[in-house]
């Protein structure tokens, strides 16, 4: 399919931490945006935030994304779709509490696009490295994961253990099964579709917030972890030096959604969108340099000695999407300055 360089984009779950930046990035790139939210109470903030874009931005209400035909009316005159709406929490009791809405929401938007989206040319799914993750059988060596990897082991854990599976496994299984369902649907109907599919797979997402949030406790999971671990000193010295994973700046994953439309060769691909691996002390050190009232953490930490059990390969996103990732220091600086403006420091 050719690139989508202009027109209207439907962004689902438009009030989320990542999604609001996605909306902003599309608007800044010249696209019009129709955002979906679950209730009118969530719409007013977005209308005010993007009022300078006039009629290029609109909000519509989709109360239940898992309901058949939920998106039918809203895909009819759009050129592309960015599906960001999916549950992200660790509160599921049964695996299906989080898996079913993730899968049904994803299939619902694709079915609507197939049946009613006659002008849609590309669909971008916001997936996750949760769908790529695989444990490392030899922790003495760093395991590099790529777009060829799938998190089948935690899907299996959920099937075998049910409600006794870990909360993290339930969430990761939901992302894996939702993305797998998307690709299966696309492959099954590819010959009749007027659009192609792209999946973006970010890891932990950090950076300043522009969505509606009143206090740190109400931040999304990853940003809340960042606040309490980095700003509030919530980890001990050993954990600061040894615990970590991979991250991407929220503004960079938002820009990846734009690039996923602009690049014809993105079609039919999944992209790991990660800036780098980290240990929590890396962010603590960077944040402390900006605001010295933030605890210095583990001052004996040597980043050159940090061992990564897993890393994610970002070369495909750099080569095809042309994405440029912000540095850890820039993400830390902008995040603590955002928190300071909000009175959270």
C-alpha atoms as a PDB file:
ATOM      1  CA  UNK A   1       0.000   0.000   0.000  1.00  0.00           C
ATOM      2  CA  UNK A   2       1.163   3.568  -0.579  1.00  0.00           C
ATOM      3  CA  UNK A   3       1.916   5.793   2.371  1.00  0.00           C
ATOM      4  CA  UNK A   4      -0.850   7.761   4.081  1.00  0.00           C
ATOM      5  CA  UNK A   5       0.482  11.315   4.055  1.00  0.00           C
ATOM      6  CA  UNK A   6      -2.686  13.283   4.746  1.00  0.00           C
ATOM      7  CA  UNK A   7      -6.313  12.957   5.707  1.00  0.00           C
ATOM      8  CA  UNK A   8      -8.136  11.870   8.850  1.00  0.00           C
ATOM      9  CA  UNK A   9      -6.920   9.366  11.456  1.00  0.00           C
ATOM     10  CA  UNK A  10      -9.168   7.592  13.939  1.00  0.00           C
ATOM     11  CA  UNK A  11      -7.349   7.207  17.286  1.00  0.00           C
ATOM     12  CA  UNK A  12      -9.029   4.833  19.728  1.00  0.00           C
ATOM     13  CA  UNK A  13      -8.660   5.347  23.467  1.00  0.00           C
ATOM     14  CA  UNK A  14      -7.584   8.901  22.752  1.00  0.00           C
ATOM     15  CA  UNK A  15      -7.399  10.005  26.385  1.00  0.00           C
ATOM     16  CA  UNK A  16      -4.622   7.574  27.367  1.00  0.00           C
ATOM     17  CA  UNK A  17      -1.059   8.527  28.319  1.00  0.00           C
ATOM     18  CA  UNK A  18       0.416   7.400  24.984  1.00  0.00           C
ATOM     19  CA  UNK A  19      -2.695   8.178  22.938  1.00  0.00           C
ATOM     20  CA  UNK A  20      -2.871  11.894  23.742  1.00  0.00           C
ATOM     21  CA  UNK A  21       0.694  12.270  22.479  1.00  0.00           C
ATOM     22  CA  UNK A  22      -0.281  10.210  19.404  1.00  0.00           C
ATOM     23  CA  UNK A  23      -3.176  12.595  18.725  1.00  0.00           C
ATOM     24  CA  UNK A  24      -0.874  15.597  19.138  1.00  0.00           C
ATOM     25  CA  UNK A  25       1.740  14.097  16.827  1.00  0.00           C
ATOM     26  CA  UNK A  26      -0.813  13.445  14.082  1.00  0.00           C
ATOM     27  CA  UNK A  27      -2.244  16.961  14.399  1.00  0.00           C
ATOM     28  CA  UNK A  28       1.244  18.493  14.365  1.00  0.00           C
ATOM     29  CA  UNK A  29       1.985  16.489  11.203  1.00  0.00           C
ATOM     30  CA  UNK A  30      -1.060  17.998   9.465  1.00  0.00           C
ATOM     31  CA  UNK A  31      -3.554  15.173   9.846  1.00  0.00           C
ATOM     32  CA  UNK A  32      -7.095  15.583  11.124  1.00  0.00           C
ATOM     33  CA  UNK A  33      -7.932  13.354  14.085  1.00  0.00           C
ATOM     34  CA  UNK A  34     -11.090  11.733  15.383  1.00  0.00           C
ATOM     35  CA  UNK A  35     -10.473  10.413  18.877  1.00  0.00           C
ATOM     36  CA  UNK A  36     -12.642   7.912  20.733  1.00  0.00           C
ATOM     37  CA  UNK A  37     -13.136   7.958  24.511  1.00  0.00           C
ATOM     38  CA  UNK A  38     -15.434   5.955  26.773  1.00  0.00           C
ATOM     39  CA  UNK A  39     -17.494   8.814  28.205  1.00  0.00           C
ATOM     40  CA  UNK A  40     -18.342  12.458  27.712  1.00  0.00           C
ATOM     41  CA  UNK A  41     -16.559  13.265  30.981  1.00  0.00           C
ATOM     42  CA  UNK A  42     -13.275  12.284  29.309  1.00  0.00           C
ATOM     43  CA  UNK A  43     -13.950  14.279  26.133  1.00  0.00           C
ATOM     44  CA  UNK A  44     -13.987  17.866  27.427  1.00  0.00           C
ATOM     45  CA  UNK A  45     -10.342  17.848  28.487  1.00  0.00           C
ATOM     46  CA  UNK A  46      -9.232  16.742  25.014  1.00  0.00           C
ATOM     47  CA  UNK A  47     -11.410  19.292  23.245  1.00  0.00           C
ATOM     48  CA  UNK A  48      -9.829  22.027  25.329  1.00  0.00           C
ATOM     49  CA  UNK A  49      -6.291  20.673  24.930  1.00  0.00           C
ATOM     50  CA  UNK A  50      -6.529  20.625  21.138  1.00  0.00           C
ATOM     51  CA  UNK A  51      -8.858  23.597  20.599  1.00  0.00           C
ATOM     52  CA  UNK A  52      -6.172  25.465  18.645  1.00  0.00           C
ATOM     53  CA  UNK A  53      -6.562  22.848  15.885  1.00  0.00           C
ATOM     54  CA  UNK A  54     -10.206  23.839  15.350  1.00  0.00           C
ATOM     55  CA  UNK A  55     -12.261  21.402  13.342  1.00  0.00           C
ATOM     56  CA  UNK A  56      -9.226  19.221  12.613  1.00  0.00           C
ATOM     57  CA  UNK A  57      -9.875  17.486  15.949  1.00  0.00           C
ATOM     58  CA  UNK A  58     -13.076  15.840  17.139  1.00  0.00           C
ATOM     59  CA  UNK A  59     -13.981  13.453  19.969  1.00  0.00           C
ATOM     60  CA  UNK A  60     -16.631  10.725  19.805  1.00  0.00           C
ATOM     61  CA  UNK A  61     -17.923   8.414  22.532  1.00  0.00           C
ATOM     62  CA  UNK A  62     -17.446   4.639  22.307  1.00  0.00           C
ATOM     63  CA  UNK A  63     -18.625   3.337  25.671  1.00  0.00           C
ATOM     64  CA  UNK A  64     -17.618  -0.293  25.164  1.00  0.00           C
ATOM     65  CA  UNK A  65     -14.922  -1.150  22.608  1.00  0.00           C
ATOM     66  CA  UNK A  66     -15.715  -4.869  22.939  1.00  0.00           C
ATOM     67  CA  UNK A  67     -19.302  -4.450  21.701  1.00  0.00           C
ATOM     68  CA  UNK A  68     -20.011  -5.655  18.154  1.00  0.00           C
ATOM     69  CA  UNK A  69     -19.984  -2.757  15.731  1.00  0.00           C
ATOM     70  CA  UNK A  70     -18.721  -0.296  18.354  1.00  0.00           C
ATOM     71  CA  UNK A  71     -16.573   1.518  15.794  1.00  0.00           C
ATOM     72  CA  UNK A  72     -18.734   1.063  12.688  1.00  0.00           C
ATOM     73  CA  UNK A  73     -19.969   4.645  12.524  1.00  0.00           C
ATOM     74  CA  UNK A  74     -16.549   6.161  13.096  1.00  0.00           C
ATOM     75  CA  UNK A  75     -14.391   4.371  10.499  1.00  0.00           C
ATOM     76  CA  UNK A  76     -16.488   5.414   7.502  1.00  0.00           C
ATOM     77  CA  UNK A  77     -14.617   8.532   6.422  1.00  0.00           C
ATOM     78  CA  UNK A  78     -11.122   8.076   7.830  1.00  0.00           C
ATOM     79  CA  UNK A  79      -7.914   7.352   5.932  1.00  0.00           C
ATOM     80  CA  UNK A  80      -6.108   5.527   8.723  1.00  0.00           C
ATOM     81  CA  UNK A  81      -6.669   4.080  12.186  1.00  0.00           C
ATOM     82  CA  UNK A  82      -4.397   4.033  15.223  1.00  0.00           C
ATOM     83  CA  UNK A  83      -5.754   1.520  17.718  1.00  0.00           C
ATOM     84  CA  UNK A  84      -4.272   2.390  21.106  1.00  0.00           C
ATOM     85  CA  UNK A  85      -7.216   1.381  23.328  1.00  0.00           C
ATOM     86  CA  UNK A  86      -6.413  -1.694  25.397  1.00  0.00           C
ATOM     87  CA  UNK A  87      -6.490  -2.522  29.109  1.00  0.00           C
ATOM     88  CA  UNK A  88      -3.166  -1.883  30.897  1.00  0.00           C
ATOM     89  CA  UNK A  89      -3.419  -2.922  34.522  1.00  0.00           C
ATOM     90  CA  UNK A  90      -2.325  -5.678  36.883  1.00  0.00           C
ATOM     91  CA  UNK A  91      -5.687  -6.182  38.599  1.00  0.00           C
ATOM     92  CA  UNK A  92      -7.157  -9.066  36.577  1.00  0.00           C
ATOM     93  CA  UNK A  93      -8.343 -12.054  38.622  1.00  0.00           C
ATOM     94  CA  UNK A  94      -8.985 -14.443  35.752  1.00  0.00           C
ATOM     95  CA  UNK A  95      -6.704 -14.124  32.691  1.00  0.00           C
ATOM     96  CA  UNK A  96      -9.778 -13.544  30.509  1.00  0.00           C
ATOM     97  CA  UNK A  97     -10.597 -10.414  32.541  1.00  0.00           C
ATOM     98  CA  UNK A  98      -7.852  -8.671  30.602  1.00  0.00           C
ATOM     99  CA  UNK A  99      -7.396 -10.968  27.575  1.00  0.00           C
ATOM    100  CA  UNK A 100     -10.990 -10.888  26.297  1.00  0.00           C
ATOM    101  CA  UNK A 101     -11.368  -7.085  26.148  1.00  0.00           C
ATOM    102  CA  UNK A 102      -7.914  -6.721  24.554  1.00  0.00           C
ATOM    103  CA  UNK A 103      -8.645  -9.284  21.834  1.00  0.00           C
ATOM    104  CA  UNK A 104     -12.261  -8.244  21.249  1.00  0.00           C
ATOM    105  CA  UNK A 105     -11.371  -4.552  21.110  1.00  0.00           C
ATOM    106  CA  UNK A 106      -8.650  -5.210  18.547  1.00  0.00           C
ATOM    107  CA  UNK A 107     -10.776  -7.511  16.396  1.00  0.00           C
ATOM    108  CA  UNK A 108     -13.698  -5.102  16.703  1.00  0.00           C
ATOM    109  CA  UNK A 109     -11.823  -2.195  15.144  1.00  0.00           C
ATOM    110  CA  UNK A 110     -10.482  -4.451  12.363  1.00  0.00           C
ATOM    111  CA  UNK A 111     -13.940  -5.837  11.596  1.00  0.00           C
ATOM    112  CA  UNK A 112     -15.355  -2.320  11.461  1.00  0.00           C
ATOM    113  CA  UNK A 113     -12.539  -1.242   9.142  1.00  0.00           C
ATOM    114  CA  UNK A 114     -13.140  -4.249   6.896  1.00  0.00           C
ATOM    115  CA  UNK A 115     -16.902  -3.738   6.648  1.00  0.00           C
ATOM    116  CA  UNK A 116     -17.322   0.037   6.821  1.00  0.00           C
ATOM    117  CA  UNK A 117     -13.868   1.577   6.345  1.00  0.00           C
ATOM    118  CA  UNK A 118     -13.934   1.979   2.591  1.00  0.00           C
ATOM    119  CA  UNK A 119     -11.436   4.862   2.688  1.00  0.00           C
ATOM    120  CA  UNK A 120      -9.078   3.311   5.270  1.00  0.00           C
ATOM    121  CA  UNK A 121      -5.630   2.565   3.853  1.00  0.00           C
ATOM    122  CA  UNK A 122      -3.613   1.620   6.941  1.00  0.00           C
ATOM    123  CA  UNK A 123      -4.285   0.411  10.480  1.00  0.00           C
ATOM    124  CA  UNK A 124      -1.639   0.835  13.176  1.00  0.00           C
ATOM    125  CA  UNK A 125      -1.972  -1.308  16.300  1.00  0.00           C
ATOM    126  CA  UNK A 126      -0.269  -0.189  19.499  1.00  0.00           C
ATOM    127  CA  UNK A 127       1.032  -3.510  20.754  1.00  0.00           C
ATOM    128  CA  UNK A 128       3.906  -3.970  23.217  1.00  0.00           C
ATOM    129  CA  UNK A 129       7.178  -5.777  23.819  1.00  0.00           C
ATOM    130  CA  UNK A 130       4.949  -7.767  26.200  1.00  0.00           C
ATOM    131  CA  UNK A 131       3.973  -9.616  22.997  1.00  0.00           C
ATOM    132  CA  UNK A 132       7.664 -10.182  22.163  1.00  0.00           C
ATOM    133  CA  UNK A 133       8.979 -11.116  25.616  1.00  0.00           C
ATOM    134  CA  UNK A 134      10.562 -14.475  26.265  1.00  0.00           C
ATOM    135  CA  UNK A 135      12.506 -15.492  29.345  1.00  0.00           C
ATOM    136  CA  UNK A 136      16.245 -16.065  29.196  1.00  0.00           C
ATOM    137  CA  UNK A 137      17.260 -19.664  29.986  1.00  0.00           C
ATOM    138  CA  UNK A 138      20.869 -18.550  30.497  1.00  0.00           C
ATOM    139  CA  UNK A 139      20.937 -15.313  32.552  1.00  0.00           C
ATOM    140  CA  UNK A 140      24.743 -15.238  32.332  1.00  0.00           C
ATOM    141  CA  UNK A 141      24.282 -14.096  28.730  1.00  0.00           C
ATOM    142  CA  UNK A 142      22.171 -11.240  27.399  1.00  0.00           C
ATOM    143  CA  UNK A 143      19.320 -12.459  25.213  1.00  0.00           C
ATOM    144  CA  UNK A 144      18.431 -10.220  22.266  1.00  0.00           C
ATOM    145  CA  UNK A 145      14.778 -10.347  21.244  1.00  0.00           C
ATOM    146  CA  UNK A 146      13.519  -9.240  17.827  1.00  0.00           C
ATOM    147  CA  UNK A 147      10.252  -8.890  15.932  1.00  0.00           C
ATOM    148  CA  UNK A 148      10.508 -12.629  15.139  1.00  0.00           C
ATOM    149  CA  UNK A 149       9.892 -13.457  18.819  1.00  0.00           C
ATOM    150  CA  UNK A 150       6.488 -13.993  20.424  1.00  0.00           C
ATOM    151  CA  UNK A 151       5.542 -14.358  24.085  1.00  0.00           C
ATOM    152  CA  UNK A 152       3.974 -17.792  23.873  1.00  0.00           C
ATOM    153  CA  UNK A 153       5.274 -18.908  27.270  1.00  0.00           C
ATOM    154  CA  UNK A 154       3.080 -16.551  29.298  1.00  0.00           C
ATOM    155  CA  UNK A 155       0.059 -17.369  27.154  1.00  0.00           C
ATOM    156  CA  UNK A 156       0.752 -20.987  28.095  1.00  0.00           C
ATOM    157  CA  UNK A 157       1.131 -20.019  31.772  1.00  0.00           C
ATOM    158  CA  UNK A 158      -2.297 -18.385  31.721  1.00  0.00           C
ATOM    159  CA  UNK A 159      -3.858 -21.440  30.111  1.00  0.00           C
ATOM    160  CA  UNK A 160      -2.229 -23.812  32.580  1.00  0.00           C
ATOM    161  CA  UNK A 161      -2.579 -21.823  35.810  1.00  0.00           C
ATOM    162  CA  UNK A 162      -5.651 -19.687  35.186  1.00  0.00           C
ATOM    163  CA  UNK A 163      -6.178 -17.196  38.005  1.00  0.00           C
ATOM    164  CA  UNK A 164      -2.927 -18.404  39.622  1.00  0.00           C
ATOM    165  CA  UNK A 165      -0.869 -17.042  36.739  1.00  0.00           C
ATOM    166  CA  UNK A 166       1.071 -13.914  37.665  1.00  0.00           C
ATOM    167  CA  UNK A 167      -0.542 -10.527  37.118  1.00  0.00           C
ATOM    168  CA  UNK A 168       2.247  -9.642  34.697  1.00  0.00           C
ATOM    169  CA  UNK A 169       1.707 -12.859  32.719  1.00  0.00           C
ATOM    170  CA  UNK A 170      -2.009 -12.066  32.378  1.00  0.00           C
ATOM    171  CA  UNK A 171      -1.262  -8.607  31.013  1.00  0.00           C
ATOM    172  CA  UNK A 172       1.468  -9.818  28.660  1.00  0.00           C
ATOM    173  CA  UNK A 173      -0.733 -12.647  27.412  1.00  0.00           C
ATOM    174  CA  UNK A 174      -3.454 -10.104  26.611  1.00  0.00           C
ATOM    175  CA  UNK A 175      -1.062  -8.089  24.447  1.00  0.00           C
ATOM    176  CA  UNK A 176       0.293 -11.231  22.762  1.00  0.00           C
ATOM    177  CA  UNK A 177      -3.106 -12.686  21.950  1.00  0.00           C
ATOM    178  CA  UNK A 178      -4.510  -9.334  20.801  1.00  0.00           C
ATOM    179  CA  UNK A 179      -1.639  -8.789  18.373  1.00  0.00           C
ATOM    180  CA  UNK A 180      -1.727 -12.402  17.182  1.00  0.00           C
ATOM    181  CA  UNK A 181      -5.475 -12.023  16.566  1.00  0.00           C
ATOM    182  CA  UNK A 182      -4.844  -8.862  14.544  1.00  0.00           C
ATOM    183  CA  UNK A 183      -2.301 -10.526  12.268  1.00  0.00           C
ATOM    184  CA  UNK A 184      -4.475 -13.636  11.861  1.00  0.00           C
ATOM    185  CA  UNK A 185      -7.460 -11.479  10.873  1.00  0.00           C
ATOM    186  CA  UNK A 186      -5.304  -9.494   8.448  1.00  0.00           C
ATOM    187  CA  UNK A 187      -3.859 -12.606   6.800  1.00  0.00           C
ATOM    188  CA  UNK A 188      -7.282 -14.236   6.510  1.00  0.00           C
ATOM    189  CA  UNK A 189      -8.895 -11.241   4.809  1.00  0.00           C
ATOM    190  CA  UNK A 190      -5.889  -9.612   3.136  1.00  0.00           C
ATOM    191  CA  UNK A 191      -7.106 -10.143  -0.425  1.00  0.00           C
ATOM    192  CA  UNK A 192     -10.341  -8.248   0.173  1.00  0.00           C
ATOM    193  CA  UNK A 193      -8.999  -5.438   2.348  1.00  0.00           C
ATOM    194  CA  UNK A 194      -8.287  -1.935   1.117  1.00  0.00           C
ATOM    195  CA  UNK A 195      -5.829  -1.406   3.971  1.00  0.00           C
ATOM    196  CA  UNK A 196      -2.666  -2.897   5.401  1.00  0.00           C
ATOM    197  CA  UNK A 197      -1.516  -3.446   8.982  1.00  0.00           C
ATOM    198  CA  UNK A 198       1.383  -2.239  11.136  1.00  0.00           C
ATOM    199  CA  UNK A 199       2.097  -3.149  14.770  1.00  0.00           C
ATOM    200  CA  UNK A 200       4.239  -1.030  17.086  1.00  0.00           C
ATOM    201  CA  UNK A 201       5.807  -2.748  20.099  1.00  0.00           C
ATOM    202  CA  UNK A 202       7.050  -0.355  22.787  1.00  0.00           C
ATOM    203  CA  UNK A 203       8.467  -1.506  26.153  1.00  0.00           C
ATOM    204  CA  UNK A 204       8.074   0.641  29.303  1.00  0.00           C
ATOM    205  CA  UNK A 205       6.943   4.113  28.244  1.00  0.00           C
ATOM    206  CA  UNK A 206       8.234   7.138  30.171  1.00  0.00           C
ATOM    207  CA  UNK A 207       8.229  10.892  29.715  1.00  0.00           C
ATOM    208  CA  UNK A 208       6.092  13.955  30.403  1.00  0.00           C
ATOM    209  CA  UNK A 209       2.303  13.632  30.519  1.00  0.00           C
ATOM    210  CA  UNK A 210      -0.224  15.742  28.625  1.00  0.00           C
ATOM    211  CA  UNK A 211      -3.273  13.592  29.372  1.00  0.00           C
ATOM    212  CA  UNK A 212      -5.672  14.407  32.181  1.00  0.00           C
ATOM    213  CA  UNK A 213      -4.119  13.307  35.473  1.00  0.00           C
ATOM    214  CA  UNK A 214      -4.567  14.938  38.880  1.00  0.00           C
ATOM    215  CA  UNK A 215      -1.982  13.203  41.068  1.00  0.00           C
ATOM    216  CA  UNK A 216       0.966  10.806  40.733  1.00  0.00           C
ATOM    217  CA  UNK A 217      -1.055   7.881  42.084  1.00  0.00           C
ATOM    218  CA  UNK A 218      -3.323   8.166  39.035  1.00  0.00           C
ATOM    219  CA  UNK A 219      -0.551   8.023  36.453  1.00  0.00           C
ATOM    220  CA  UNK A 220      -0.530   4.966  34.194  1.00  0.00           C
ATOM    221  CA  UNK A 221       1.466   1.957  35.392  1.00  0.00           C
ATOM    222  CA  UNK A 222       4.864   2.722  33.830  1.00  0.00           C
ATOM    223  CA  UNK A 223       4.871   6.459  34.579  1.00  0.00           C
ATOM    224  CA  UNK A 224       3.689   5.769  38.120  1.00  0.00           C
ATOM    225  CA  UNK A 225       6.567   3.345  38.641  1.00  0.00           C
ATOM    226  CA  UNK A 226       8.955   6.029  37.366  1.00  0.00           C
ATOM    227  CA  UNK A 227       7.599   8.589  39.813  1.00  0.00           C
ATOM    228  CA  UNK A 228       7.783   6.385  42.881  1.00  0.00           C
ATOM    229  CA  UNK A 229      11.067   4.654  42.028  1.00  0.00           C
ATOM    230  CA  UNK A 230      12.961   7.687  40.720  1.00  0.00           C
ATOM    231  CA  UNK A 231      11.452  10.693  42.486  1.00  0.00           C
ATOM    232  CA  UNK A 232      10.345   9.109  45.759  1.00  0.00           C
ATOM    233  CA  UNK A 233      13.225   6.670  46.275  1.00  0.00           C
ATOM    234  CA  UNK A 234      10.981   3.620  46.302  1.00  0.00           C
ATOM    235  CA  UNK A 235      13.722   1.064  45.592  1.00  0.00           C
ATOM    236  CA  UNK A 236      16.683   0.008  47.715  1.00  0.00           C
ATOM    237  CA  UNK A 237      20.254   0.331  46.449  1.00  0.00           C
ATOM    238  CA  UNK A 238      20.480  -3.255  45.246  1.00  0.00           C
ATOM    239  CA  UNK A 239      17.264  -3.010  43.230  1.00  0.00           C
ATOM    240  CA  UNK A 240      18.307   0.341  41.739  1.00  0.00           C
ATOM    241  CA  UNK A 241      21.487  -1.229  40.374  1.00  0.00           C
ATOM    242  CA  UNK A 242      20.057  -4.566  39.246  1.00  0.00           C
ATOM    243  CA  UNK A 243      16.403  -4.068  38.293  1.00  0.00           C
ATOM    244  CA  UNK A 244      15.429  -2.601  34.938  1.00  0.00           C
ATOM    245  CA  UNK A 245      14.246  -3.430  31.451  1.00  0.00           C
ATOM    246  CA  UNK A 246      13.877  -1.320  28.278  1.00  0.00           C
ATOM    247  CA  UNK A 247      12.045   1.934  27.694  1.00  0.00           C
ATOM    248  CA  UNK A 248      10.954   4.459  25.086  1.00  0.00           C
ATOM    249  CA  UNK A 249      10.026   8.110  25.478  1.00  0.00           C
ATOM    250  CA  UNK A 250       6.274   8.640  25.089  1.00  0.00           C
ATOM    251  CA  UNK A 251       6.915  11.330  22.464  1.00  0.00           C
ATOM    252  CA  UNK A 252       8.999   8.916  20.396  1.00  0.00           C
ATOM    253  CA  UNK A 253       6.420   6.134  20.367  1.00  0.00           C
ATOM    254  CA  UNK A 254       3.859   8.791  19.409  1.00  0.00           C
ATOM    255  CA  UNK A 255       6.051   9.887  16.508  1.00  0.00           C
ATOM    256  CA  UNK A 256       6.397   6.234  15.496  1.00  0.00           C
ATOM    257  CA  UNK A 257       2.627   6.217  14.921  1.00  0.00           C
ATOM    258  CA  UNK A 258       3.065   9.060  12.434  1.00  0.00           C
ATOM    259  CA  UNK A 259       6.030   7.414  10.711  1.00  0.00           C
ATOM    260  CA  UNK A 260       4.057   4.167  10.468  1.00  0.00           C
ATOM    261  CA  UNK A 261       1.652   5.997   8.142  1.00  0.00           C
ATOM    262  CA  UNK A 262       4.237   7.988   6.218  1.00  0.00           C
ATOM    263  CA  UNK A 263       6.484   5.040   5.276  1.00  0.00           C
ATOM    264  CA  UNK A 264       5.053   2.784   2.554  1.00  0.00           C
ATOM    265  CA  UNK A 265       7.503   0.026   3.477  1.00  0.00           C
ATOM    266  CA  UNK A 266       6.128  -0.178   7.006  1.00  0.00           C
ATOM    267  CA  UNK A 267       3.167  -2.178   5.677  1.00  0.00           C
ATOM    268  CA  UNK A 268       2.781  -5.681   7.050  1.00  0.00           C
ATOM    269  CA  UNK A 269       5.453  -5.261   9.723  1.00  0.00           C
ATOM    270  CA  UNK A 270       5.764  -5.167  13.479  1.00  0.00           C
ATOM    271  CA  UNK A 271       8.335  -2.784  14.953  1.00  0.00           C
ATOM    272  CA  UNK A 272      10.047  -2.911  18.321  1.00  0.00           C
ATOM    273  CA  UNK A 273      10.223   0.731  19.402  1.00  0.00           C
ATOM    274  CA  UNK A 274      12.745   0.897  22.224  1.00  0.00           C
ATOM    275  CA  UNK A 275      15.373   3.525  22.987  1.00  0.00           C
ATOM    276  CA  UNK A 276      17.655   1.355  25.136  1.00  0.00           C
ATOM    277  CA  UNK A 277      17.910  -0.870  28.170  1.00  0.00           C
ATOM    278  CA  UNK A 278      18.187   0.670  31.629  1.00  0.00           C
ATOM    279  CA  UNK A 279      18.580   0.006  35.314  1.00  0.00           C
ATOM    280  CA  UNK A 280      16.491   2.236  37.559  1.00  0.00           C
ATOM    281  CA  UNK A 281      19.632   3.925  38.892  1.00  0.00           C
ATOM    282  CA  UNK A 282      20.316   5.277  35.375  1.00  0.00           C
ATOM    283  CA  UNK A 283      17.154   7.375  35.647  1.00  0.00           C
ATOM    284  CA  UNK A 284      17.778   8.248  39.302  1.00  0.00           C
ATOM    285  CA  UNK A 285      21.237   9.585  38.436  1.00  0.00           C
ATOM    286  CA  UNK A 286      19.912  11.590  35.480  1.00  0.00           C
ATOM    287  CA  UNK A 287      16.995  13.022  37.491  1.00  0.00           C
ATOM    288  CA  UNK A 288      19.214  13.935  40.471  1.00  0.00           C
ATOM    289  CA  UNK A 289      21.453  15.979  38.156  1.00  0.00           C
ATOM    290  CA  UNK A 290      18.451  18.074  37.149  1.00  0.00           C
ATOM    291  CA  UNK A 291      16.854  18.474  40.589  1.00  0.00           C
ATOM    292  CA  UNK A 292      19.206  17.713  43.457  1.00  0.00           C
ATOM    293  CA  UNK A 293      16.392  17.281  45.972  1.00  0.00           C
ATOM    294  CA  UNK A 294      15.629  13.978  44.212  1.00  0.00           C
ATOM    295  CA  UNK A 295      17.495  11.249  46.135  1.00  0.00           C
ATOM    296  CA  UNK A 296      20.853  10.319  44.584  1.00  0.00           C
ATOM    297  CA  UNK A 297      20.155   6.628  45.039  1.00  0.00           C
ATOM    298  CA  UNK A 298      22.971   4.111  44.713  1.00  0.00           C
ATOM    299  CA  UNK A 299      26.053   6.331  44.340  1.00  0.00           C
ATOM    300  CA  UNK A 300      28.338   3.298  43.919  1.00  0.00           C
ATOM    301  CA  UNK A 301      26.468   2.175  40.796  1.00  0.00           C
ATOM    302  CA  UNK A 302      28.668   1.708  37.723  1.00  0.00           C
ATOM    303  CA  UNK A 303      26.546   1.613  34.530  1.00  0.00           C
ATOM    304  CA  UNK A 304      29.385  -0.048  32.608  1.00  0.00           C
ATOM    305  CA  UNK A 305      29.036  -3.066  34.929  1.00  0.00           C
ATOM    306  CA  UNK A 306      25.251  -3.377  34.615  1.00  0.00           C
ATOM    307  CA  UNK A 307      24.119  -6.739  33.246  1.00  0.00           C
ATOM    308  CA  UNK A 308      21.065  -6.967  31.022  1.00  0.00           C
ATOM    309  CA  UNK A 309      19.303 -10.319  30.970  1.00  0.00           C
ATOM    310  CA  UNK A 310      17.090  -9.294  28.023  1.00  0.00           C
ATOM    311  CA  UNK A 311      17.358  -6.567  25.418  1.00  0.00           C
ATOM    312  CA  UNK A 312      15.174  -5.694  22.451  1.00  0.00           C
ATOM    313  CA  UNK A 313      16.500  -5.096  18.931  1.00  0.00           C
ATOM    314  CA  UNK A 314      15.411  -1.656  17.630  1.00  0.00           C
ATOM    315  CA  UNK A 315      17.334  -1.740  14.333  1.00  0.00           C
ATOM    316  CA  UNK A 316      14.281  -2.438  12.193  1.00  0.00           C
ATOM    317  CA  UNK A 317      12.369   0.602  13.541  1.00  0.00           C
ATOM    318  CA  UNK A 318      15.408   2.810  12.985  1.00  0.00           C
ATOM    319  CA  UNK A 319      16.026   1.495   9.449  1.00  0.00           C
ATOM    320  CA  UNK A 320      12.450   1.432   8.116  1.00  0.00           C
ATOM    321  CA  UNK A 321      10.570   4.006  10.173  1.00  0.00           C
ATOM    322  CA  UNK A 322      13.561   6.314  10.480  1.00  0.00           C
ATOM    323  CA  UNK A 323      12.766   6.905  14.139  1.00  0.00           C
ATOM    324  CA  UNK A 324      15.221   8.885  16.258  1.00  0.00           C
ATOM    325  CA  UNK A 325      15.096   8.070  19.963  1.00  0.00           C
ATOM    326  CA  UNK A 326      15.583  10.657  22.687  1.00  0.00           C
ATOM    327  CA  UNK A 327      18.354  10.078  25.200  1.00  0.00           C
ATOM    328  CA  UNK A 328      17.656   8.790  28.679  1.00  0.00           C
ATOM    329  CA  UNK A 329      18.922  12.097  30.054  1.00  0.00           C
ATOM    330  CA  UNK A 330      16.431  14.104  27.974  1.00  0.00           C
ATOM    331  CA  UNK A 331      13.529  11.896  29.026  1.00  0.00           C
ATOM    332  CA  UNK A 332      14.532  12.190  32.699  1.00  0.00           C
ATOM    333  CA  UNK A 333      14.961  15.978  32.505  1.00  0.00           C
ATOM    334  CA  UNK A 334      11.642  16.609  30.779  1.00  0.00           C
ATOM    335  CA  UNK A 335       9.794  14.235  33.105  1.00  0.00           C
ATOM    336  CA  UNK A 336      11.002  15.761  36.375  1.00  0.00           C
ATOM    337  CA  UNK A 337      10.396  19.255  35.019  1.00  0.00           C
ATOM    338  CA  UNK A 338       6.829  18.219  34.181  1.00  0.00           C
ATOM    339  CA  UNK A 339       6.389  16.844  37.700  1.00  0.00           C
ATOM    340  CA  UNK A 340       7.807  20.073  39.152  1.00  0.00           C
ATOM    341  CA  UNK A 341       5.317  22.230  37.228  1.00  0.00           C
ATOM    342  CA  UNK A 342       2.520  20.000  38.539  1.00  0.00           C
ATOM    343  CA  UNK A 343       3.728  20.480  42.126  1.00  0.00           C
ATOM    344  CA  UNK A 344       4.575  16.816  42.548  1.00  0.00           C
ATOM    345  CA  UNK A 345       8.177  17.306  43.711  1.00  0.00           C
END
